[in-house]
């Protein structure tokens, strides 16, 4: 994910940042053991495949504790 974010960042003149700004939040989401693990469901997500992780990530609502307190927003 870090490589994807870095490569997308090189396209700043053609791709606006919001298109790829989710990559760092997603990386934090799937990192097991962060202070956000309980609020965001990261412990469970760390055990899932990419598609299942992404499905769980995009269901994180803006008004959730995960998004409001830790900046991990998938919606």
PDB file of N, CA and C in Angstrom:
ATOM      1  N   UNK A   1       0.815  -1.190   0.000  1.00  0.00           N
ATOM      2  CA  UNK A   1       0.000   0.000   0.000  1.00  0.00           C
ATOM      3  C   UNK A   1       0.861   1.257   0.000  1.00  0.00           C
ATOM      4  N   UNK A   2       1.987   1.212   0.693  1.00  0.00           N
ATOM      5  CA  UNK A   2       2.867   2.387   0.705  1.00  0.00           C
ATOM      6  C   UNK A   2       3.386   2.675  -0.700  1.00  0.00           C
ATOM      7  N   UNK A   3       3.720   1.620  -1.438  1.00  0.00           N
ATOM      8  CA  UNK A   3       4.205   1.795  -2.805  1.00  0.00           C
ATOM      9  C   UNK A   3       3.111   2.387  -3.689  1.00  0.00           C
ATOM     10  N   UNK A   4       1.892   1.890  -3.539  1.00  0.00           N
ATOM     11  CA  UNK A   4       0.776   2.428  -4.316  1.00  0.00           C
ATOM     12  C   UNK A   4       0.592   3.912  -4.017  1.00  0.00           C
ATOM     13  N   UNK A   5       0.595   4.275  -2.743  1.00  0.00           N
ATOM     14  CA  UNK A   5       0.428   5.681  -2.356  1.00  0.00           C
ATOM     15  C   UNK A   5       1.557   6.532  -2.917  1.00  0.00           C
ATOM     16  N   UNK A   6       2.782   6.042  -2.839  1.00  0.00           N
ATOM     17  CA  UNK A   6       3.930   6.795  -3.343  1.00  0.00           C
ATOM     18  C   UNK A   6       3.838   6.984  -4.857  1.00  0.00           C
ATOM     19  N   UNK A   7       3.466   5.935  -5.562  1.00  0.00           N
ATOM     20  CA  UNK A   7       3.342   6.036  -7.018  1.00  0.00           C
ATOM     21  C   UNK A   7       2.219   6.991  -7.414  1.00  0.00           C
ATOM     22  N   UNK A   8       1.093   6.922  -6.722  1.00  0.00           N
ATOM     23  CA  UNK A   8      -0.009   7.829  -7.021  1.00  0.00           C
ATOM     24  C   UNK A   8       0.353   9.274  -6.716  1.00  0.00           C
ATOM     25  N   UNK A   9       1.149   9.488  -5.678  1.00  0.00           N
ATOM     26  CA  UNK A   9       1.555  10.845  -5.313  1.00  0.00           C
ATOM     27  C   UNK A   9       2.382  11.498  -6.413  1.00  0.00           C
ATOM     28  N   UNK A  10       3.068  10.704  -7.217  1.00  0.00           N
ATOM     29  CA  UNK A  10       3.861  11.272  -8.310  1.00  0.00           C
ATOM     30  C   UNK A  10       2.974  11.805  -9.429  1.00  0.00           C
ATOM     31  N   UNK A  11       1.711  11.480  -9.392  1.00  0.00           N
ATOM     32  CA  UNK A  11       0.768  11.935 -10.411  1.00  0.00           C
ATOM     33  C   UNK A  11       0.011  13.189  -9.998  1.00  0.00           C
ATOM     34  N   UNK A  12       0.532  13.931  -9.041  1.00  0.00           N
ATOM     35  CA  UNK A  12      -0.169  15.099  -8.494  1.00  0.00           C
ATOM     36  C   UNK A  12      -0.621  16.104  -9.548  1.00  0.00           C
ATOM     37  N   UNK A  13       0.077  16.196 -10.655  1.00  0.00           N
ATOM     38  CA  UNK A  13      -0.335  17.165 -11.668  1.00  0.00           C
ATOM     39  C   UNK A  13      -1.532  16.681 -12.474  1.00  0.00           C
ATOM     40  N   UNK A  14      -1.792  15.362 -12.454  1.00  0.00           N
ATOM     41  CA  UNK A  14      -2.916  14.831 -13.218  1.00  0.00           C
ATOM     42  C   UNK A  14      -3.994  14.183 -12.362  1.00  0.00           C
ATOM     43  N   UNK A  15      -3.638  13.778 -11.151  1.00  0.00           N
ATOM     44  CA  UNK A  15      -4.594  13.126 -10.258  1.00  0.00           C
ATOM     45  C   UNK A  15      -4.673  13.930  -8.968  1.00  0.00           C
ATOM     46  N   UNK A  16      -5.866  14.335  -8.596  1.00  0.00           N
ATOM     47  CA  UNK A  16      -6.034  15.113  -7.372  1.00  0.00           C
ATOM     48  C   UNK A  16      -5.901  14.221  -6.149  1.00  0.00           C
ATOM     49  N   UNK A  17      -5.369  14.758  -5.072  1.00  0.00           N
ATOM     50  CA  UNK A  17      -5.079  14.002  -3.856  1.00  0.00           C
ATOM     51  C   UNK A  17      -6.255  13.199  -3.299  1.00  0.00           C
ATOM     52  N   UNK A  18      -7.481  13.697  -3.296  1.00  0.00           N
ATOM     53  CA  UNK A  18      -8.568  12.884  -2.726  1.00  0.00           C
ATOM     54  C   UNK A  18      -8.746  11.527  -3.400  1.00  0.00           C
ATOM     55  N   UNK A  19      -8.292  11.391  -4.632  1.00  0.00           N
ATOM     56  CA  UNK A  19      -8.416  10.119  -5.333  1.00  0.00           C
ATOM     57  C   UNK A  19      -7.619   9.034  -4.626  1.00  0.00           C
ATOM     58  N   UNK A  20      -6.503   9.378  -4.049  1.00  0.00           N
ATOM     59  CA  UNK A  20      -5.674   8.366  -3.397  1.00  0.00           C
ATOM     60  C   UNK A  20      -5.442   8.627  -1.909  1.00  0.00           C
ATOM     61  N   UNK A  21      -6.126   9.588  -1.329  1.00  0.00           N
ATOM     62  CA  UNK A  21      -5.908   9.916   0.081  1.00  0.00           C
ATOM     63  C   UNK A  21      -6.343   8.788   1.013  1.00  0.00           C
ATOM     64  N   UNK A  22      -7.156   7.873   0.540  1.00  0.00           N
ATOM     65  CA  UNK A  22      -7.633   6.752   1.339  1.00  0.00           C
ATOM     66  C   UNK A  22      -6.534   5.747   1.641  1.00  0.00           C
ATOM     67  N   UNK A  23      -5.445   5.735   0.881  1.00  0.00           N
ATOM     68  CA  UNK A  23      -4.443   4.677   1.036  1.00  0.00           C
ATOM     69  C   UNK A  23      -3.770   4.686   2.404  1.00  0.00           C
ATOM     70  N   UNK A  24      -3.470   5.852   2.954  1.00  0.00           N
ATOM     71  CA  UNK A  24      -2.836   5.888   4.275  1.00  0.00           C
ATOM     72  C   UNK A  24      -3.833   5.501   5.372  1.00  0.00           C
ATOM     73  N   UNK A  25      -5.092   5.922   5.228  1.00  0.00           N
ATOM     74  CA  UNK A  25      -6.114   5.521   6.202  1.00  0.00           C
ATOM     75  C   UNK A  25      -6.332   4.013   6.148  1.00  0.00           C
ATOM     76  N   UNK A  26      -6.346   3.451   4.949  1.00  0.00           N
ATOM     77  CA  UNK A  26      -6.511   2.006   4.784  1.00  0.00           C
ATOM     78  C   UNK A  26      -5.333   1.264   5.415  1.00  0.00           C
ATOM     79  N   UNK A  27      -4.129   1.748   5.187  1.00  0.00           N
ATOM     80  CA  UNK A  27      -2.938   1.115   5.766  1.00  0.00           C
ATOM     81  C   UNK A  27      -3.016   1.124   7.286  1.00  0.00           C
ATOM     82  N   UNK A  28      -3.445   2.230   7.869  1.00  0.00           N
ATOM     83  CA  UNK A  28      -3.624   2.290   9.323  1.00  0.00           C
ATOM     84  C   UNK A  28      -4.701   1.329   9.788  1.00  0.00           C
ATOM     85  N   UNK A  29      -5.777   1.239   9.027  1.00  0.00           N
ATOM     86  CA  UNK A  29      -6.892   0.363   9.368  1.00  0.00           C
ATOM     87  C   UNK A  29      -6.456  -1.098   9.468  1.00  0.00           C
ATOM     88  N   UNK A  30      -5.665  -1.558   8.522  1.00  0.00           N
ATOM     89  CA  UNK A  30      -5.291  -2.977   8.513  1.00  0.00           C
ATOM     90  C   UNK A  30      -4.095  -3.288   9.400  1.00  0.00           C
ATOM     91  N   UNK A  31      -3.489  -2.259  10.009  1.00  0.00           N
ATOM     92  CA  UNK A  31      -2.363  -2.479  10.903  1.00  0.00           C
ATOM     93  C   UNK A  31      -2.888  -2.938  12.255  1.00  0.00           C
ATOM     94  N   UNK A  32      -2.624  -4.170  12.563  1.00  0.00           N
ATOM     95  CA  UNK A  32      -3.100  -4.742  13.823  1.00  0.00           C
ATOM     96  C   UNK A  32      -2.342  -4.127  14.991  1.00  0.00           C
ATOM     97  N   UNK A  33      -3.054  -3.817  16.055  1.00  0.00           N
ATOM     98  CA  UNK A  33      -2.420  -3.342  17.269  1.00  0.00           C
ATOM     99  C   UNK A  33      -2.409  -1.847  17.471  1.00  0.00           C
ATOM    100  N   UNK A  34      -2.960  -1.074  16.528  1.00  0.00           N
ATOM    101  CA  UNK A  34      -3.027   0.370  16.719  1.00  0.00           C
ATOM    102  C   UNK A  34      -4.035   0.710  17.798  1.00  0.00           C
ATOM    103  N   UNK A  35      -3.966   1.925  18.321  1.00  0.00           N
ATOM    104  CA  UNK A  35      -4.894   2.347  19.368  1.00  0.00           C
ATOM    105  C   UNK A  35      -6.339   2.345  18.858  1.00  0.00           C
ATOM    106  N   UNK A  36      -6.503   2.337  17.556  1.00  0.00           N
ATOM    107  CA  UNK A  36      -7.817   2.338  16.934  1.00  0.00           C
ATOM    108  C   UNK A  36      -8.368   0.937  16.694  1.00  0.00           C
ATOM    109  N   UNK A  37      -7.625  -0.092  17.032  1.00  0.00           N
ATOM    110  CA  UNK A  37      -7.981  -1.470  16.687  1.00  0.00           C
ATOM    111  C   UNK A  37      -9.393  -1.863  17.126  1.00  0.00           C
ATOM    112  N   UNK A  38      -9.774  -1.541  18.347  1.00  0.00           N
ATOM    113  CA  UNK A  38     -11.107  -1.916  18.826  1.00  0.00           C
ATOM    114  C   UNK A  38     -12.201  -1.093  18.163  1.00  0.00           C
ATOM    115  N   UNK A  39     -11.996   0.203  18.068  1.00  0.00           N
ATOM    116  CA  UNK A  39     -13.021   1.075  17.501  1.00  0.00           C
ATOM    117  C   UNK A  39     -13.236   0.827  16.012  1.00  0.00           C
ATOM    118  N   UNK A  40     -12.181   0.398  15.326  1.00  0.00           N
ATOM    119  CA  UNK A  40     -12.260   0.261  13.871  1.00  0.00           C
ATOM    120  C   UNK A  40     -12.398  -1.181  13.380  1.00  0.00           C
ATOM    121  N   UNK A  41     -12.233  -2.142  14.256  1.00  0.00           N
ATOM    122  CA  UNK A  41     -12.305  -3.537  13.841  1.00  0.00           C
ATOM    123  C   UNK A  41     -11.038  -4.021  13.157  1.00  0.00           C
ATOM    124  N   UNK A  42      -9.921  -3.385  13.454  1.00  0.00           N
ATOM    125  CA  UNK A  42      -8.663  -3.716  12.795  1.00  0.00           C
ATOM    126  C   UNK A  42      -8.141  -5.110  13.129  1.00  0.00           C
ATOM    127  N   UNK A  43      -8.414  -5.580  14.323  1.00  0.00           N
ATOM    128  CA  UNK A  43      -7.925  -6.914  14.696  1.00  0.00           C
ATOM    129  C   UNK A  43      -8.511  -7.975  13.780  1.00  0.00           C
ATOM    130  N   UNK A  44      -9.799  -7.863  13.509  1.00  0.00           N
ATOM    131  CA  UNK A  44     -10.446  -8.813  12.618  1.00  0.00           C
ATOM    132  C   UNK A  44      -9.986  -8.620  11.176  1.00  0.00           C
ATOM    133  N   UNK A  45      -9.855  -7.382  10.758  1.00  0.00           N
ATOM    134  CA  UNK A  45      -9.487  -7.073   9.380  1.00  0.00           C
ATOM    135  C   UNK A  45      -8.096  -7.582   9.038  1.00  0.00           C
ATOM    136  N   UNK A  46      -7.190  -7.584  10.001  1.00  0.00           N
ATOM    137  CA  UNK A  46      -5.823  -8.026   9.749  1.00  0.00           C
ATOM    138  C   UNK A  46      -5.773  -9.492   9.316  1.00  0.00           C
ATOM    139  N   UNK A  47      -6.807 -10.245   9.635  1.00  0.00           N
ATOM    140  CA  UNK A  47      -6.842 -11.673   9.307  1.00  0.00           C
ATOM    141  C   UNK A  47      -7.540 -11.962   7.977  1.00  0.00           C
ATOM    142  N   UNK A  48      -8.112 -10.947   7.360  1.00  0.00           N
ATOM    143  CA  UNK A  48      -8.898 -11.129   6.140  1.00  0.00           C
ATOM    144  C   UNK A  48      -8.068 -10.917   4.888  1.00  0.00           C
ATOM    145  N   UNK A  49      -8.587 -11.379   3.749  1.00  0.00           N
ATOM    146  CA  UNK A  49      -7.932 -11.106   2.470  1.00  0.00           C
ATOM    147  C   UNK A  49      -8.217  -9.661   2.055  1.00  0.00           C
ATOM    148  N   UNK A  50      -7.531  -9.191   1.023  1.00  0.00           N
ATOM    149  CA  UNK A  50      -7.645  -7.795   0.603  1.00  0.00           C
ATOM    150  C   UNK A  50      -9.088  -7.387   0.309  1.00  0.00           C
ATOM    151  N   UNK A  51      -9.812  -8.190  -0.454  1.00  0.00           N
ATOM    152  CA  UNK A  51     -11.187  -7.828  -0.821  1.00  0.00           C
ATOM    153  C   UNK A  51     -12.070  -7.680   0.410  1.00  0.00           C
ATOM    154  N   UNK A  52     -11.930  -8.586   1.358  1.00  0.00           N
ATOM    155  CA  UNK A  52     -12.736  -8.513   2.575  1.00  0.00           C
ATOM    156  C   UNK A  52     -12.317  -7.325   3.439  1.00  0.00           C
ATOM    157  N   UNK A  53     -11.015  -7.050   3.492  1.00  0.00           N
ATOM    158  CA  UNK A  53     -10.530  -5.883   4.225  1.00  0.00           C
ATOM    159  C   UNK A  53     -11.108  -4.607   3.629  1.00  0.00           C
ATOM    160  N   UNK A  54     -11.071  -4.518   2.311  1.00  0.00           N
ATOM    161  CA  UNK A  54     -11.566  -3.320   1.633  1.00  0.00           C
ATOM    162  C   UNK A  54     -13.064  -3.155   1.859  1.00  0.00           C
ATOM    163  N   UNK A  55     -13.801  -4.243   1.817  1.00  0.00           N
ATOM    164  CA  UNK A  55     -15.242  -4.178   2.056  1.00  0.00           C
ATOM    165  C   UNK A  55     -15.533  -3.659   3.465  1.00  0.00           C
ATOM    166  N   UNK A  56     -14.777  -4.132   4.437  1.00  0.00           N
ATOM    167  CA  UNK A  56     -14.956  -3.665   5.810  1.00  0.00           C
ATOM    168  C   UNK A  56     -14.543  -2.200   5.932  1.00  0.00           C
ATOM    169  N   UNK A  57     -13.446  -1.823   5.273  1.00  0.00           N
ATOM    170  CA  UNK A  57     -12.933  -0.450   5.334  1.00  0.00           C
ATOM    171  C   UNK A  57     -13.937   0.556   4.777  1.00  0.00           C
ATOM    172  N   UNK A  58     -14.518   0.278   3.622  1.00  0.00           N
ATOM    173  CA  UNK A  58     -15.435   1.251   3.009  1.00  0.00           C
ATOM    174  C   UNK A  58     -16.746   1.378   3.772  1.00  0.00           C
ATOM    175  N   UNK A  59     -16.992   0.482   4.699  1.00  0.00           N
ATOM    176  CA  UNK A  59     -18.202   0.565   5.523  1.00  0.00           C
ATOM    177  C   UNK A  59     -17.991   1.348   6.814  1.00  0.00           C
ATOM    178  N   UNK A  60     -16.806   1.909   7.014  1.00  0.00           N
ATOM    179  CA  UNK A  60     -16.553   2.752   8.187  1.00  0.00           C
ATOM    180  C   UNK A  60     -17.193   4.113   7.931  1.00  0.00           C
ATOM    181  N   UNK A  61     -18.191   4.419   8.695  1.00  0.00           N
ATOM    182  CA  UNK A  61     -18.977   5.647   8.511  1.00  0.00           C
ATOM    183  C   UNK A  61     -18.226   6.888   9.008  1.00  0.00           C
ATOM    184  N   UNK A  62     -18.506   8.001   8.396  1.00  0.00           N
ATOM    185  CA  UNK A  62     -17.872   9.266   8.765  1.00  0.00           C
ATOM    186  C   UNK A  62     -18.174   9.633  10.209  1.00  0.00           C
ATOM    187  N   UNK A  63     -19.378   9.350  10.680  1.00  0.00           N
ATOM    188  CA  UNK A  63     -19.740   9.717  12.046  1.00  0.00           C
ATOM    189  C   UNK A  63     -19.279   8.702  13.087  1.00  0.00           C
ATOM    190  N   UNK A  64     -18.585   7.649  12.685  1.00  0.00           N
ATOM    191  CA  UNK A  64     -18.118   6.622  13.623  1.00  0.00           C
ATOM    192  C   UNK A  64     -16.954   7.135  14.477  1.00  0.00           C
ATOM    193  N   UNK A  65     -16.733   6.472  15.604  1.00  0.00           N
ATOM    194  CA  UNK A  65     -15.593   6.803  16.461  1.00  0.00           C
ATOM    195  C   UNK A  65     -14.286   6.612  15.701  1.00  0.00           C
ATOM    196  N   UNK A  66     -14.241   5.581  14.889  1.00  0.00           N
ATOM    197  CA  UNK A  66     -13.048   5.283  14.105  1.00  0.00           C
ATOM    198  C   UNK A  66     -12.645   6.480  13.235  1.00  0.00           C
ATOM    199  N   UNK A  67     -13.606   7.047  12.569  1.00  0.00           N
ATOM    200  CA  UNK A  67     -13.337   8.184  11.690  1.00  0.00           C
ATOM    201  C   UNK A  67     -13.128   9.471  12.486  1.00  0.00           C
ATOM    202  N   UNK A  68     -14.015   9.738  13.424  1.00  0.00           N
ATOM    203  CA  UNK A  68     -13.967  10.984  14.173  1.00  0.00           C
ATOM    204  C   UNK A  68     -12.752  11.086  15.106  1.00  0.00           C
ATOM    205  N   UNK A  69     -12.366   9.976  15.730  1.00  0.00           N
ATOM    206  CA  UNK A  69     -11.275  10.014  16.711  1.00  0.00           C
ATOM    207  C   UNK A  69      -9.911   9.675  16.108  1.00  0.00           C
ATOM    208  N   UNK A  70      -9.898   8.829  15.075  1.00  0.00           N
ATOM    209  CA  UNK A  70      -8.620   8.317  14.571  1.00  0.00           C
ATOM    210  C   UNK A  70      -8.357   8.638  13.112  1.00  0.00           C
ATOM    211  N   UNK A  71      -9.310   9.260  12.435  1.00  0.00           N
ATOM    212  CA  UNK A  71      -9.107   9.664  11.043  1.00  0.00           C
ATOM    213  C   UNK A  71      -9.095   8.521  10.060  1.00  0.00           C
ATOM    214  N   UNK A  72      -9.638   7.371  10.469  1.00  0.00           N
ATOM    215  CA  UNK A  72      -9.717   6.232   9.556  1.00  0.00           C
ATOM    216  C   UNK A  72     -11.155   6.187   9.050  1.00  0.00           C
ATOM    217  N   UNK A  73     -11.336   6.784   7.876  1.00  0.00           N
ATOM    218  CA  UNK A  73     -12.676   6.926   7.315  1.00  0.00           C
ATOM    219  C   UNK A  73     -12.727   6.244   5.953  1.00  0.00           C
ATOM    220  N   UNK A  74     -13.599   5.278   5.839  1.00  0.00           N
ATOM    221  CA  UNK A  74     -13.705   4.557   4.595  1.00  0.00           C
ATOM    222  C   UNK A  74     -14.874   4.973   3.738  1.00  0.00           C
ATOM    223  N   UNK A  75     -15.878   5.578   4.349  1.00  0.00           N
ATOM    224  CA  UNK A  75     -17.096   5.933   3.621  1.00  0.00           C
ATOM    225  C   UNK A  75     -16.814   7.003   2.592  1.00  0.00           C
TER     226      UNK A  75
END
